Amino acid sequence: MLVFDMQVVDTVTIPQQADSGLQEAWRLGCTGRSVEALMLAGKILAEATARGDSRLAAQCDTDIAWYCFQTGKAELGLTHVRRAVDFWKLTGEPREEAYARAYFGWLLLELGLPEEAIEEATRALDLADKAADLKAQSLATNVIGIIFWYNKQPDRAILMSERSVELARMIGNKTYECWWLINLGGAHSEGGYIAQALGKPEEGRRMLVQALELTDQALDIATEIGDSWAARICLGNKADYHSHLGEHEKALQCMLRYQLFQENSYVRDRQQYLYTLGQIYNNYGKFEEARSLLLEAVDLIGDGGSFDSYIQIYFYLSQAHEGLGQFDLALEAHKKYHQAYLQNSAERTQQRARLAEIYYETKRLKEVADTQSKRAETLEASYQKLQEETDILASAVYLDALTGLYNRKYLDSRFKELTAEKRPYSIAMLDVDHFKAINDNFSHMIGDQVLSAIGTILRSQLRVTDQAIRFGGEEFVVLLSGAPRGAADVCERLRSAVENWDWSEICNGLHVTISIGVAGTLSAKSPNTILEIADQNLYAAKKSGRNRVVS
C-alpha cells in the first residue's frame, strides 16, 4: 500500500484490475466489438500513464495497435505501437516485442508501405523464434504471408499462411485459427485470379473453390466464438469469390447473411458492405440496384473510412452509371475515382515523410541486430525451411512494392556478382508500348495495375533461374541464365504472353504490348555494356513498329 496526497493506493489490486480490464478489452476485440475494446484499453492506458506504470502502458499500446487496425485507424495505431516497440526493446522482452513489431508491420501494410512492413515483420519473426513462443510465431508468420499476398506471390503466401494456421491449431487458439484461415483463403483467391488472367480457367476455378472452402472453415469458427468482425470479412470475401465464379445468386446470399452480423459495425464496415454488394449487382447486370447502394456509400464518405474505400466506391459507381447509359455521370464518377487515387498516392507520400524519423531508428536497430548471433539451432527443420522463405523479405530494399519484382538496387548488386562470374547469360530490356497514352486515356491507377500485371506475367513465364527487375517507370530488365542463343525465344514467349493477356479484366478497351531488346555475353563481357546493347536493341524494336523482340 502506498499513500499519495493523503489517498491510499493499493499497489496490488490496481494492477490486477488493470490486467482484468485488458483481458476484457481483448475479449471485446475478438468478438467484433473493437470500438469498445479500443475505448477500454485507452482508459487503462491513461490510468497507467498517470501512475507511471510503463509496463502496463506498453501492454495497452500493443493491444490498442490491433484494435486500431480492426477499426481502420492505422495511423493512430502506429503512434501506439512505436511506443510499445521501444519499451519492449529497452526492457529486453523479445516475446512482447515480437507481438508489437508484427502489429507494426501489419499497420504499415494497411497504409500501403510494404517495404517498411517487411522489415518489421521479419524482425518480429526473428524475435518470436528466439523467444520460442508459438503464438508470436503464428502471428508473425501470418503477417509475412499477407505481405507475399500483397506482392502477388500467392504460392509463398499460401506456404506462410498454412504454417500460421498450423501453429494456431497447435496452441488451440481458435481466434488466430479463424483469422489466419481468412488470409489463407485470400491467398488462394489471388492465385485463382492470376490463373484466370493467364488463361487457365480450370486452375483459377480450383483455387477459388479452395478459397471458398477455407473461408467457410473460418466462418464456422467465427460463428462458434461469436466474432462478428471476422464473420463480416468471411461473408464479404465469399461474396467476392462467388461473384468471380459467376455464381451471383450465391454472392447475394452471402451479403444477405452479412447483414446478420452488422451489430457493432462501424463506417468502414458499412462502406465495404455497400460497395461489395454494388460490385456484385454490377456483375449481375443489375445496375440500378448497384447505383443506389453506391450512392449511399458516397454519402458515408464524410463520416470516415479510407481512401481505398473511396477509390472502390467511385470505380464501381462509374460502372453502374455506364451500365444505365448515364455516360455523363459515369465520366463524373470516373474523374472522382481518379482524383481519389491521386489523393491516396499523395497521402501515402506524406505518410512516408511522417514516418521517416521512425525508420531511421528502425534501420539503425536492424544494423545492430544483423551483427548479433545466428538463430538458435534448436528450431525444428521443417520450420527452418519456411524461415528460409522469409530471407527474401529481409532484403526489403531489393523489392519493388508495385510489381513484386526486384528493383534497381537489386540489379546493381547482381551486376557486381555477374562481373566476377564466368557463366554465360543474357540481359533483356523491356518497355511497355505507349504507356503514357495508357495513363492519359485510362488513368494513372490503371497504369499502375498494368505494371503490376506485367510483374505477374514475368514471374509466371520465366524460368526459376531467371530474374525479373523493375528498372524504373514502365521499363523492366530480365536476367536470363544460360546460352544467349535461347534468350530471344524466352523473350518472344514473354512478348506473346503480354499481348494475349486478358487486359479487359483491368479495364474495357485496354490493350497492352511490350517491346524487348536482348543482348548477351556473346556481344560483350561487362554487364553494364550488355545492358547498353540491350537498350539499343530495345530502341530498334520500338523504332521498327513496337510489339517485337530485337536481339
Protein backbone atom coordinates (compact mmCIF):
# COMPACT_ATOMS: atom_id res chain seq x y z
CA MET A 1 0.00 0.00 0.00
CA LEU A 2 1.28 3.50 -0.88
CA VAL A 3 -0.01 6.93 0.14
CA PHE A 4 -0.13 9.84 -2.34
CA ASP A 5 -1.70 13.18 -1.45
CA MET A 6 -3.36 11.56 1.59
CA GLN A 7 -5.01 8.92 -0.64
CA VAL A 8 -4.31 5.25 -0.08
CA VAL A 9 -3.30 3.42 -3.26
CA ASP A 10 -3.49 -0.38 -3.32
CA THR A 11 -0.45 -1.36 -5.43
CA VAL A 12 -1.63 -4.98 -5.68
CA THR A 13 -5.31 -4.53 -6.50
CA ILE A 14 -4.85 -1.83 -9.17
CA PRO A 15 -2.55 -3.91 -11.45
CA GLN A 16 -4.88 -6.91 -11.06
CA GLN A 17 -7.88 -4.78 -12.05
CA ALA A 18 -5.95 -3.33 -15.00
CA ASP A 19 -4.91 -6.79 -16.18
CA SER A 20 -8.51 -7.95 -15.92
CA GLY A 21 -9.58 -4.87 -17.88
CA LEU A 22 -7.09 -5.62 -20.66
CA GLN A 23 -8.36 -9.19 -20.85
CA GLU A 24 -11.90 -7.86 -21.17
CA ALA A 25 -10.78 -5.47 -23.91
CA TRP A 26 -9.18 -8.36 -25.79
CA ARG A 27 -12.39 -10.38 -25.44
CA LEU A 28 -14.32 -7.47 -26.92
CA GLY A 29 -11.83 -7.18 -29.77
CA CYS A 30 -12.20 -10.89 -30.51
CA THR A 31 -16.00 -10.75 -30.63
CA GLY A 32 -16.49 -7.91 -33.08
CA ARG A 33 -16.68 -5.09 -30.51
CA SER A 34 -13.39 -3.45 -31.40
CA VAL A 35 -14.54 0.13 -30.80
CA GLU A 36 -15.44 -0.75 -27.21
CA ALA A 37 -12.13 -2.59 -26.87
CA LEU A 38 -10.27 0.49 -28.07
CA MET A 39 -12.07 2.76 -25.61
CA LEU A 40 -11.49 0.41 -22.65
CA ALA A 41 -7.79 -0.11 -23.43
CA GLY A 42 -7.40 3.65 -23.89
CA LYS A 43 -8.88 4.26 -20.45
CA ILE A 44 -6.50 1.74 -18.85
CA LEU A 45 -3.58 3.34 -20.73
CA ALA A 46 -4.45 6.79 -19.35
CA GLU A 47 -4.60 5.43 -15.81
CA ALA A 48 -1.33 3.52 -16.21
CA THR A 49 0.41 6.60 -17.57
CA ALA A 50 -0.85 8.71 -14.68
CA ARG A 51 0.54 6.15 -12.19
CA GLY A 52 3.84 5.85 -14.03
CA ASP A 53 3.25 2.15 -14.79
CA SER A 54 5.29 1.98 -18.00
CA ARG A 55 4.96 -1.77 -18.49
CA LEU A 56 1.18 -1.73 -18.31
CA ALA A 57 1.15 1.27 -20.65
CA ALA A 58 3.25 -0.71 -23.16
CA GLN A 59 0.80 -3.63 -22.93
CA CYS A 60 -2.03 -1.21 -23.63
CA ASP A 61 -0.18 0.35 -26.56
CA THR A 62 0.42 -3.09 -28.08
CA ASP A 63 -3.23 -4.14 -27.85
CA ILE A 64 -4.51 -0.73 -28.96
CA ALA A 65 -2.47 -1.08 -32.15
CA TRP A 66 -4.52 -4.15 -33.05
CA TYR A 67 -7.86 -2.50 -32.25
CA CYS A 68 -6.82 0.44 -34.43
CA PHE A 69 -6.18 -1.99 -37.28
CA GLN A 70 -9.60 -3.55 -36.82
CA THR A 71 -11.35 -0.18 -36.85
CA GLY A 72 -9.37 1.33 -39.73
CA LYS A 73 -7.33 3.79 -37.63
CA ALA A 74 -3.92 2.70 -38.90
CA GLU A 75 -2.02 5.95 -38.28
CA LEU A 76 -3.26 6.16 -34.70
CA GLY A 77 -2.20 2.55 -34.26
CA LEU A 78 1.33 3.41 -35.41
CA THR A 79 1.67 6.03 -32.68
CA HIS A 80 0.86 3.45 -30.01
CA VAL A 81 2.80 0.52 -31.41
CA ARG A 82 6.01 2.51 -31.88
CA ARG A 83 5.98 3.36 -28.15
CA ALA A 84 5.38 -0.30 -27.35
CA VAL A 85 8.27 -1.46 -29.56
CA ASP A 86 10.65 1.00 -27.88
CA PHE A 87 9.64 -0.13 -24.39
CA TRP A 88 9.85 -3.89 -25.06
CA LYS A 89 13.23 -3.49 -26.72
CA LEU A 90 14.52 -1.40 -23.81
CA THR A 91 13.39 -3.96 -21.23
CA GLY A 92 14.67 -6.91 -23.29
CA GLU A 93 11.37 -8.77 -23.69
CA PRO A 94 11.55 -10.42 -27.14
CA ARG A 95 8.15 -12.10 -26.91
CA GLU A 96 6.29 -8.84 -26.31
CA GLU A 97 8.44 -7.01 -28.85
CA ALA A 98 7.57 -9.70 -31.43
CA TYR A 99 3.84 -9.03 -30.99
CA ALA A 100 4.33 -5.27 -31.23
CA ARG A 101 6.51 -5.49 -34.33
CA ALA A 102 4.09 -7.88 -36.03
CA TYR A 103 1.25 -5.39 -35.47
CA PHE A 104 3.57 -2.62 -36.62
CA GLY A 105 4.20 -4.45 -39.89
CA TRP A 106 0.50 -5.12 -40.45
CA LEU A 107 -0.41 -1.47 -39.88
CA LEU A 108 2.29 -0.33 -42.28
CA LEU A 109 0.95 -2.68 -44.95
CA GLU A 110 -2.53 -1.30 -44.31
CA LEU A 111 -1.11 2.13 -45.15
CA GLY A 112 0.39 0.84 -48.38
CA LEU A 113 4.01 0.79 -47.12
CA PRO A 114 5.14 -2.78 -47.88
CA GLU A 115 8.88 -2.15 -47.78
CA GLU A 116 8.69 -0.88 -44.22
CA ALA A 117 6.20 -3.62 -43.31
CA ILE A 118 8.69 -6.25 -44.48
CA GLU A 119 11.38 -5.03 -42.10
CA GLU A 120 9.07 -5.12 -39.10
CA ALA A 121 7.51 -8.50 -39.94
CA THR A 122 10.82 -10.31 -40.41
CA ARG A 123 12.19 -8.75 -37.23
CA ALA A 124 9.05 -9.91 -35.41
CA LEU A 125 9.59 -13.47 -36.61
CA ASP A 126 13.23 -13.39 -35.52
CA LEU A 127 12.17 -12.30 -32.04
CA ALA A 128 9.37 -14.87 -31.86
CA ASP A 129 11.85 -17.60 -32.81
CA LYS A 130 14.30 -16.50 -30.13
CA ALA A 131 11.51 -16.42 -27.54
CA ALA A 132 10.34 -19.87 -28.76
CA ASP A 133 6.76 -18.59 -28.49
CA LEU A 134 4.40 -20.43 -30.85
CA LYS A 135 1.66 -17.82 -30.61
CA ALA A 136 4.00 -14.98 -31.56
CA GLN A 137 5.44 -17.15 -34.35
CA SER A 138 1.91 -17.75 -35.63
CA LEU A 139 1.17 -14.01 -35.71
CA ALA A 140 4.44 -13.00 -37.36
CA THR A 141 4.27 -15.81 -39.93
CA ASN A 142 0.75 -14.73 -40.84
CA VAL A 143 1.84 -11.12 -41.39
CA ILE A 144 4.67 -12.27 -43.68
CA GLY A 145 2.15 -14.36 -45.61
CA ILE A 146 -0.03 -11.29 -46.11
CA ILE A 147 2.97 -9.35 -47.43
CA PHE A 148 3.57 -12.07 -50.03
CA TRP A 149 -0.14 -11.89 -50.90
CA TYR A 150 0.07 -8.09 -51.24
CA ASN A 151 3.04 -8.53 -53.60
CA LYS A 152 1.05 -11.01 -55.73
CA GLN A 153 3.12 -14.05 -54.82
CA PRO A 154 0.31 -16.43 -53.82
CA ASP A 155 2.43 -19.59 -53.68
CA ARG A 156 4.64 -18.15 -50.95
CA ALA A 157 1.67 -16.50 -49.28
CA ILE A 158 -0.08 -19.87 -49.09
CA LEU A 159 3.04 -21.52 -47.67
CA MET A 160 3.37 -19.00 -44.86
CA SER A 161 -0.36 -18.78 -44.16
CA GLU A 162 -0.65 -22.56 -43.91
CA ARG A 163 2.12 -22.55 -41.33
CA SER A 164 0.42 -19.78 -39.32
CA VAL A 165 -2.83 -21.79 -39.26
CA GLU A 166 -0.92 -24.92 -38.22
CA LEU A 167 0.72 -23.06 -35.33
CA ALA A 168 -2.64 -21.63 -34.22
CA ARG A 169 -4.08 -25.14 -34.12
CA MET A 170 -1.07 -26.47 -32.21
CA ILE A 171 -1.73 -24.00 -29.39
CA GLY A 172 -5.52 -24.37 -29.60
CA ASN A 173 -6.13 -20.68 -30.37
CA LYS A 174 -9.47 -20.59 -32.19
CA THR A 175 -9.37 -16.83 -32.77
CA TYR A 176 -6.00 -16.95 -34.53
CA GLU A 177 -7.06 -20.04 -36.47
CA CYS A 178 -10.14 -18.19 -37.72
CA TRP A 179 -8.28 -15.02 -38.69
CA TRP A 180 -5.41 -16.82 -40.41
CA LEU A 181 -7.80 -19.10 -42.34
CA ILE A 182 -9.38 -15.95 -43.79
CA ASN A 183 -5.97 -14.84 -45.06
CA LEU A 184 -5.14 -18.32 -46.35
CA GLY A 185 -8.36 -18.21 -48.35
CA GLY A 186 -7.40 -14.78 -49.66
CA ALA A 187 -4.01 -16.07 -50.81
CA HIS A 188 -5.74 -18.90 -52.71
CA SER A 189 -8.13 -16.41 -54.32
CA GLU A 190 -5.16 -14.32 -55.51
CA GLY A 191 -3.72 -17.43 -57.12
CA GLY A 192 -7.09 -18.04 -58.76
CA TYR A 193 -7.34 -14.51 -60.16
CA ILE A 194 -3.82 -14.74 -61.59
CA ALA A 195 -4.55 -18.16 -63.15
CA GLN A 196 -7.73 -16.82 -64.76
CA ALA A 197 -5.87 -13.82 -66.17
CA LEU A 198 -3.21 -16.19 -67.59
CA GLY A 199 -5.90 -18.07 -69.50
CA LYS A 200 -6.03 -21.04 -67.11
CA PRO A 201 -9.72 -21.08 -66.15
CA GLU A 202 -9.73 -24.58 -64.62
CA GLU A 203 -6.82 -23.82 -62.32
CA GLY A 204 -8.39 -20.47 -61.46
CA ARG A 205 -11.68 -22.12 -60.58
CA ARG A 206 -9.97 -24.78 -58.49
CA MET A 207 -8.14 -22.19 -56.40
CA LEU A 208 -11.26 -20.06 -55.92
CA VAL A 209 -13.18 -23.14 -54.76
CA GLN A 210 -10.36 -23.82 -52.27
CA ALA A 211 -10.61 -20.19 -51.14
CA LEU A 212 -14.32 -20.69 -50.51
CA GLU A 213 -13.72 -23.89 -48.54
CA LEU A 214 -11.09 -22.26 -46.32
CA THR A 215 -13.28 -19.20 -45.76
CA ASP A 216 -16.20 -21.47 -44.83
CA GLN A 217 -13.98 -23.05 -42.16
CA ALA A 218 -13.13 -19.58 -40.85
CA LEU A 219 -16.80 -18.57 -40.87
CA ASP A 220 -17.77 -21.65 -38.86
CA ILE A 221 -15.19 -20.74 -36.22
CA ALA A 222 -16.21 -17.05 -36.23
CA THR A 223 -19.82 -18.08 -35.63
CA GLU A 224 -18.78 -20.51 -32.89
CA ILE A 225 -16.71 -17.96 -30.94
CA GLY A 226 -19.04 -15.02 -31.65
CA ASP A 227 -16.59 -12.93 -33.68
CA SER A 228 -18.87 -10.74 -35.81
CA TRP A 229 -15.90 -8.76 -37.23
CA ALA A 230 -14.35 -11.92 -38.68
CA ALA A 231 -17.77 -13.17 -39.82
CA ARG A 232 -18.31 -9.98 -41.84
CA ILE A 233 -14.92 -10.36 -43.51
CA CYS A 234 -15.65 -14.02 -44.31
CA LEU A 235 -19.02 -13.26 -45.89
CA GLY A 236 -17.70 -10.29 -47.88
CA ASN A 237 -14.82 -12.42 -49.19
CA LYS A 238 -17.13 -15.33 -50.01
CA ALA A 239 -19.40 -12.99 -51.96
CA ASP A 240 -16.39 -11.77 -53.95
CA TYR A 241 -15.21 -15.33 -54.72
CA HIS A 242 -18.69 -16.46 -55.78
CA SER A 243 -19.02 -13.38 -57.98
CA HIS A 244 -15.73 -14.15 -59.74
CA LEU A 245 -17.02 -17.69 -60.36
CA GLY A 246 -20.17 -16.26 -61.93
CA GLU A 247 -22.28 -17.51 -59.01
CA HIS A 248 -24.12 -14.25 -58.48
CA GLU A 249 -27.06 -15.67 -56.51
CA LYS A 250 -24.70 -17.27 -54.01
CA ALA A 251 -22.83 -13.98 -53.76
CA LEU A 252 -26.07 -12.17 -52.95
CA GLN A 253 -26.97 -14.77 -50.33
CA CYS A 254 -23.63 -14.12 -48.62
CA MET A 255 -24.36 -10.40 -48.48
CA LEU A 256 -27.84 -11.04 -47.09
CA ARG A 257 -26.28 -13.12 -44.33
CA TYR A 258 -23.68 -10.36 -43.82
CA GLN A 259 -26.49 -8.15 -42.51
CA LEU A 260 -26.99 -10.51 -39.57
CA PHE A 261 -23.55 -9.57 -38.26
CA GLN A 262 -23.77 -5.79 -38.64
CA GLU A 263 -24.31 -5.10 -34.94
CA ASN A 264 -21.27 -3.26 -33.54
CA SER A 265 -20.06 -2.44 -37.05
CA TYR A 266 -18.76 0.98 -38.00
CA VAL A 267 -18.46 3.28 -41.03
CA ARG A 268 -15.66 1.32 -42.67
CA ASP A 269 -17.69 -1.91 -42.42
CA ARG A 270 -20.79 -0.25 -43.83
CA GLN A 271 -18.87 1.22 -46.76
CA GLN A 272 -17.30 -2.14 -47.56
CA TYR A 273 -20.70 -3.84 -47.41
CA LEU A 274 -22.25 -1.29 -49.77
CA TYR A 275 -19.52 -1.28 -52.41
CA THR A 276 -19.10 -5.06 -52.32
CA LEU A 277 -22.83 -5.53 -52.89
CA GLY A 278 -22.72 -2.80 -55.55
CA GLN A 279 -19.92 -4.67 -57.34
CA ILE A 280 -21.98 -7.88 -57.28
CA TYR A 281 -25.03 -6.13 -58.73
CA ASN A 282 -22.82 -4.63 -61.45
CA ASN A 283 -21.53 -8.08 -62.34
CA TYR A 284 -25.12 -9.33 -62.30
CA GLY A 285 -26.20 -6.55 -64.68
CA LYS A 286 -28.50 -5.02 -62.04
CA PHE A 287 -27.10 -1.52 -62.46
CA GLU A 288 -29.95 0.42 -60.82
CA GLU A 289 -29.62 -1.59 -57.60
CA ALA A 290 -25.85 -1.12 -57.73
CA ARG A 291 -26.16 2.64 -58.28
CA SER A 292 -28.48 3.06 -55.29
CA LEU A 293 -26.11 1.21 -52.94
CA LEU A 294 -23.04 3.02 -54.20
CA LEU A 295 -24.66 6.45 -53.83
CA GLU A 296 -25.39 5.54 -50.20
CA ALA A 297 -21.70 4.64 -49.81
CA VAL A 298 -20.77 8.04 -51.26
CA ASP A 299 -22.93 9.72 -48.60
CA LEU A 300 -20.86 7.96 -45.90
CA ILE A 301 -17.53 9.23 -47.20
CA GLY A 302 -17.67 12.32 -44.99
CA ASP A 303 -18.15 10.12 -41.90
CA GLY A 304 -14.83 8.34 -42.22
CA GLY A 305 -13.27 5.37 -43.92
CA SER A 306 -10.14 5.05 -46.05
CA PHE A 307 -9.12 6.39 -49.43
CA ASP A 308 -9.00 2.79 -50.64
CA SER A 309 -12.74 2.62 -49.94
CA TYR A 310 -13.36 5.88 -51.81
CA ILE A 311 -11.49 4.55 -54.83
CA GLN A 312 -13.57 1.36 -54.92
CA ILE A 313 -16.85 3.23 -54.42
CA TYR A 314 -16.31 5.69 -57.28
CA PHE A 315 -14.94 2.98 -59.59
CA TYR A 316 -18.00 0.77 -59.18
CA LEU A 317 -20.31 3.79 -59.33
CA SER A 318 -18.87 4.76 -62.70
CA GLN A 319 -19.56 1.21 -63.91
CA ALA A 320 -23.16 1.39 -62.68
CA HIS A 321 -23.80 4.72 -64.43
CA GLU A 322 -22.25 3.37 -67.62
CA GLY A 323 -24.46 0.28 -67.43
CA LEU A 324 -27.50 2.55 -67.17
CA GLY A 325 -26.36 4.61 -70.15
CA GLN A 326 -25.72 7.65 -67.94
CA PHE A 327 -22.40 8.45 -69.57
CA ASP A 328 -22.01 11.99 -68.22
CA LEU A 329 -22.50 10.72 -64.66
CA ALA A 330 -20.18 7.80 -65.39
CA LEU A 331 -17.48 10.21 -66.51
CA GLU A 332 -18.01 12.38 -63.42
CA ALA A 333 -17.71 9.33 -61.12
CA HIS A 334 -14.62 8.17 -63.00
CA LYS A 335 -13.00 11.58 -62.53
CA LYS A 336 -13.65 11.39 -58.78
CA TYR A 337 -12.24 7.88 -58.78
CA HIS A 338 -9.11 9.22 -60.47
CA GLN A 339 -8.90 12.15 -58.01
CA ALA A 340 -9.26 9.78 -55.06
CA TYR A 341 -6.47 7.64 -56.44
CA LEU A 342 -4.14 10.61 -56.83
CA GLN A 343 -5.08 11.88 -53.35
CA ASN A 344 -4.38 8.42 -51.97
CA SER A 345 -0.94 8.44 -53.59
CA ALA A 346 -0.22 11.88 -52.16
CA GLU A 347 -1.35 10.81 -48.68
CA ARG A 348 0.93 7.80 -48.74
CA THR A 349 3.84 10.02 -49.75
CA GLN A 350 3.07 12.22 -46.74
CA GLN A 351 2.85 9.15 -44.52
CA ARG A 352 6.33 8.13 -45.63
CA ALA A 353 7.61 11.59 -44.75
CA ARG A 354 5.99 11.48 -41.31
CA LEU A 355 7.48 8.07 -40.67
CA ALA A 356 10.98 8.88 -41.94
CA GLU A 357 12.34 9.61 -38.48
CA ILE A 358 10.92 6.36 -37.14
CA TYR A 359 12.59 4.35 -39.89
CA TYR A 360 15.96 5.93 -39.30
CA GLU A 361 15.87 4.38 -35.85
CA THR A 362 14.40 1.11 -37.16
CA LYS A 363 17.19 0.69 -39.70
CA ARG A 364 19.84 1.53 -37.11
CA LEU A 365 18.47 -1.15 -34.80
CA LYS A 366 18.36 -3.61 -37.69
CA GLU A 367 22.04 -2.99 -38.43
CA VAL A 368 22.82 -3.81 -34.81
CA ALA A 369 20.62 -6.91 -34.97
CA ASP A 370 22.38 -8.12 -38.12
CA THR A 371 25.70 -8.30 -36.21
CA GLN A 372 24.28 -10.49 -33.45
CA SER A 373 24.35 -14.26 -33.24
CA LYS A 374 22.54 -16.50 -35.71
CA ARG A 375 19.18 -18.01 -34.96
CA ALA A 376 19.06 -20.76 -32.36
CA GLU A 377 19.87 -24.13 -33.94
CA THR A 378 17.14 -25.80 -31.92
CA LEU A 379 14.39 -24.72 -34.37
CA GLU A 380 12.70 -27.68 -35.99
CA ALA A 381 13.91 -28.48 -39.51
CA SER A 382 10.54 -28.11 -41.18
CA TYR A 383 10.06 -24.66 -39.73
CA GLN A 384 13.58 -23.68 -40.73
CA LYS A 385 12.60 -24.39 -44.33
CA LEU A 386 9.77 -21.89 -44.03
CA GLN A 387 12.08 -19.45 -42.30
CA GLU A 388 14.33 -19.50 -45.37
CA GLU A 389 11.40 -18.20 -47.39
CA THR A 390 11.40 -15.04 -45.30
CA ASP A 391 15.03 -14.27 -46.13
CA ILE A 392 13.81 -12.70 -49.34
CA LEU A 393 11.75 -10.28 -47.33
CA ALA A 394 14.66 -9.40 -45.06
CA SER A 395 16.17 -7.64 -48.07
CA ALA A 396 13.35 -5.11 -48.18
CA VAL A 397 15.41 -2.61 -50.14
CA TYR A 398 15.56 -5.04 -53.06
CA LEU A 399 11.79 -5.34 -53.69
CA ASP A 400 9.54 -3.16 -55.85
CA ALA A 401 6.24 -2.76 -54.00
CA LEU A 402 4.03 -2.24 -57.05
CA THR A 403 5.08 -5.26 -59.11
CA GLY A 404 6.53 -7.61 -56.50
CA LEU A 405 9.70 -7.87 -58.63
CA TYR A 406 13.24 -6.97 -57.68
CA ASN A 407 14.20 -3.31 -58.06
CA ARG A 408 17.10 -1.25 -59.43
CA LYS A 409 19.16 -1.64 -56.27
CA TYR A 410 18.99 -5.41 -56.62
CA LEU A 411 20.13 -5.15 -60.25
CA ASP A 412 23.13 -3.09 -59.17
CA SER A 413 24.10 -5.76 -56.63
CA ARG A 414 23.68 -8.56 -59.21
CA PHE A 415 25.84 -6.68 -61.71
CA LYS A 416 28.69 -6.73 -59.19
CA GLU A 417 28.30 -10.50 -58.91
CA LEU A 418 27.97 -11.04 -62.69
CA THR A 419 31.23 -9.17 -63.26
CA ALA A 420 33.05 -11.93 -61.39
CA GLU A 421 31.09 -14.86 -62.87
CA LYS A 422 32.22 -16.88 -65.88
CA ARG A 423 28.86 -18.43 -66.80
CA PRO A 424 27.04 -17.22 -69.95
CA TYR A 425 23.95 -15.07 -69.55
CA SER A 426 21.79 -12.54 -71.39
CA ILE A 427 20.04 -9.32 -70.43
CA ALA A 428 16.66 -8.30 -71.83
CA MET A 429 15.36 -4.74 -71.66
CA LEU A 430 11.53 -4.47 -71.77
CA ASP A 431 9.38 -1.37 -72.23
CA VAL A 432 5.58 -1.03 -72.21
CA ASP A 433 4.44 0.36 -75.55
CA HIS A 434 2.55 3.68 -75.46
CA PHE A 435 2.47 3.67 -71.65
CA LYS A 436 1.94 7.43 -71.43
CA ALA A 437 -1.20 7.05 -73.53
CA ILE A 438 -2.44 4.38 -71.12
CA ASN A 439 -2.02 6.78 -68.20
CA ASP A 440 -3.60 9.67 -70.11
CA ASN A 441 -6.55 7.73 -71.53
CA PHE A 442 -7.33 5.29 -68.71
CA SER A 443 -5.83 6.94 -65.55
CA HIS A 444 -2.64 6.50 -63.57
CA MET A 445 -4.28 3.88 -61.38
CA ILE A 446 -4.95 1.72 -64.46
CA GLY A 447 -1.33 2.33 -65.46
CA ASP A 448 -0.21 1.01 -62.07
CA GLN A 449 -2.43 -2.05 -62.50
CA VAL A 450 -0.85 -2.67 -65.91
CA LEU A 451 2.64 -2.59 -64.39
CA SER A 452 1.53 -4.89 -61.57
CA ALA A 453 0.04 -7.35 -64.10
CA ILE A 454 3.25 -7.34 -66.14
CA GLY A 455 5.11 -8.24 -62.96
CA THR A 456 2.73 -11.18 -62.54
CA ILE A 457 3.24 -12.27 -66.17
CA LEU A 458 7.02 -12.14 -65.86
CA ARG A 459 7.01 -14.25 -62.70
CA SER A 460 4.72 -16.83 -64.28
CA GLN A 461 6.56 -17.12 -67.61
CA LEU A 462 10.22 -17.01 -66.61
CA ARG A 463 12.34 -19.99 -65.63
CA VAL A 464 13.36 -20.40 -61.99
CA THR A 465 16.93 -19.47 -62.95
CA ASP A 466 15.85 -16.14 -64.49
CA GLN A 467 15.25 -12.91 -62.58
CA ALA A 468 12.91 -10.02 -63.41
CA ILE A 469 13.61 -6.49 -62.23
CA ARG A 470 11.59 -3.30 -62.47
CA PHE A 471 14.20 -0.93 -63.85
CA GLY A 472 12.12 2.22 -63.46
CA GLY A 473 8.80 3.59 -64.68
CA GLU A 474 7.47 1.25 -67.38
CA GLU A 475 10.88 -0.35 -68.06
CA PHE A 476 11.88 -3.83 -66.90
CA VAL A 477 15.08 -5.85 -67.07
CA VAL A 478 15.30 -9.65 -67.17
CA LEU A 479 18.49 -11.54 -66.34
CA LEU A 480 18.44 -14.75 -68.37
CA SER A 481 20.80 -17.56 -67.43
CA GLY A 482 22.36 -19.96 -69.91
CA ALA A 483 23.44 -19.71 -73.52
CA PRO A 484 22.47 -16.36 -75.11
CA ARG A 485 21.07 -18.01 -78.24
CA GLY A 486 17.98 -19.20 -76.28
CA ALA A 487 17.27 -15.81 -74.75
CA ALA A 488 15.34 -14.46 -77.74
CA ASP A 489 12.94 -17.42 -77.57
CA VAL A 490 12.23 -16.72 -73.89
CA CYS A 491 11.64 -13.06 -74.69
CA GLU A 492 9.28 -13.92 -77.54
CA ARG A 493 7.26 -16.00 -75.08
CA LEU A 494 7.10 -13.00 -72.74
CA ARG A 495 6.02 -10.67 -75.53
CA SER A 496 3.29 -13.06 -76.62
CA ALA A 497 2.06 -13.57 -73.05
CA VAL A 498 1.65 -9.83 -72.54
CA GLU A 499 -0.11 -9.35 -75.88
CA ASN A 500 -2.54 -12.22 -75.18
CA TRP A 501 -3.25 -11.33 -71.55
CA ASP A 502 -6.91 -10.54 -70.82
CA TRP A 503 -6.49 -6.83 -70.21
CA SER A 504 -10.27 -6.30 -70.13
CA GLU A 505 -10.12 -7.67 -66.57
CA ILE A 506 -8.47 -4.36 -65.67
CA CYS A 507 -10.43 -2.06 -67.97
CA ASN A 508 -12.61 -2.45 -71.06
CA GLY A 509 -10.86 -1.33 -74.24
CA LEU A 510 -7.38 -1.70 -72.73
CA HIS A 511 -4.73 -3.44 -74.86
CA VAL A 512 -1.07 -3.68 -73.86
CA THR A 513 2.05 -4.80 -75.70
CA ILE A 514 5.76 -4.64 -74.94
CA SER A 515 8.95 -4.19 -76.93
CA ILE A 516 12.10 -6.08 -75.97
CA GLY A 517 15.79 -5.69 -76.71
CA VAL A 518 18.18 -8.56 -75.89
CA ALA A 519 21.95 -8.91 -75.68
CA GLY A 520 24.26 -11.50 -74.12
CA THR A 521 27.79 -12.44 -73.25
CA LEU A 522 28.48 -13.18 -76.93
CA SER A 523 28.20 -9.42 -77.52
CA ALA A 524 30.23 -8.13 -74.55
CA LYS A 525 31.66 -9.20 -71.20
CA SER A 526 30.66 -6.37 -68.86
CA PRO A 527 27.03 -6.49 -67.63
CA ASN A 528 26.76 -2.72 -68.00
CA THR A 529 27.90 -2.94 -71.62
CA ILE A 530 25.49 -5.80 -72.29
CA LEU A 531 22.67 -3.70 -70.80
CA GLU A 532 23.60 -0.78 -73.08
CA ILE A 533 23.43 -3.06 -76.14
CA ALA A 534 20.09 -4.47 -74.98
CA ASP A 535 18.82 -0.89 -74.59
CA GLN A 536 19.96 -0.09 -78.14
CA ASN A 537 18.12 -3.18 -79.40
CA LEU A 538 15.03 -2.06 -77.46
CA TYR A 539 15.19 1.27 -79.25
CA ALA A 540 15.42 -0.58 -82.57
CA ALA A 541 12.37 -2.69 -81.65
CA LYS A 542 10.30 0.42 -80.88
CA LYS A 543 11.53 2.26 -83.96
CA SER A 544 10.58 -0.67 -86.21
CA GLY A 545 6.97 -0.78 -85.05
CA ARG A 546 6.91 -1.94 -81.37
CA ASN A 547 5.49 -5.21 -80.00
CA ARG A 548 8.55 -7.17 -81.11
CA VAL A 549 11.87 -8.62 -79.93
CA VAL A 550 15.21 -7.48 -81.33
CA SER A 551 18.41 -9.33 -80.44
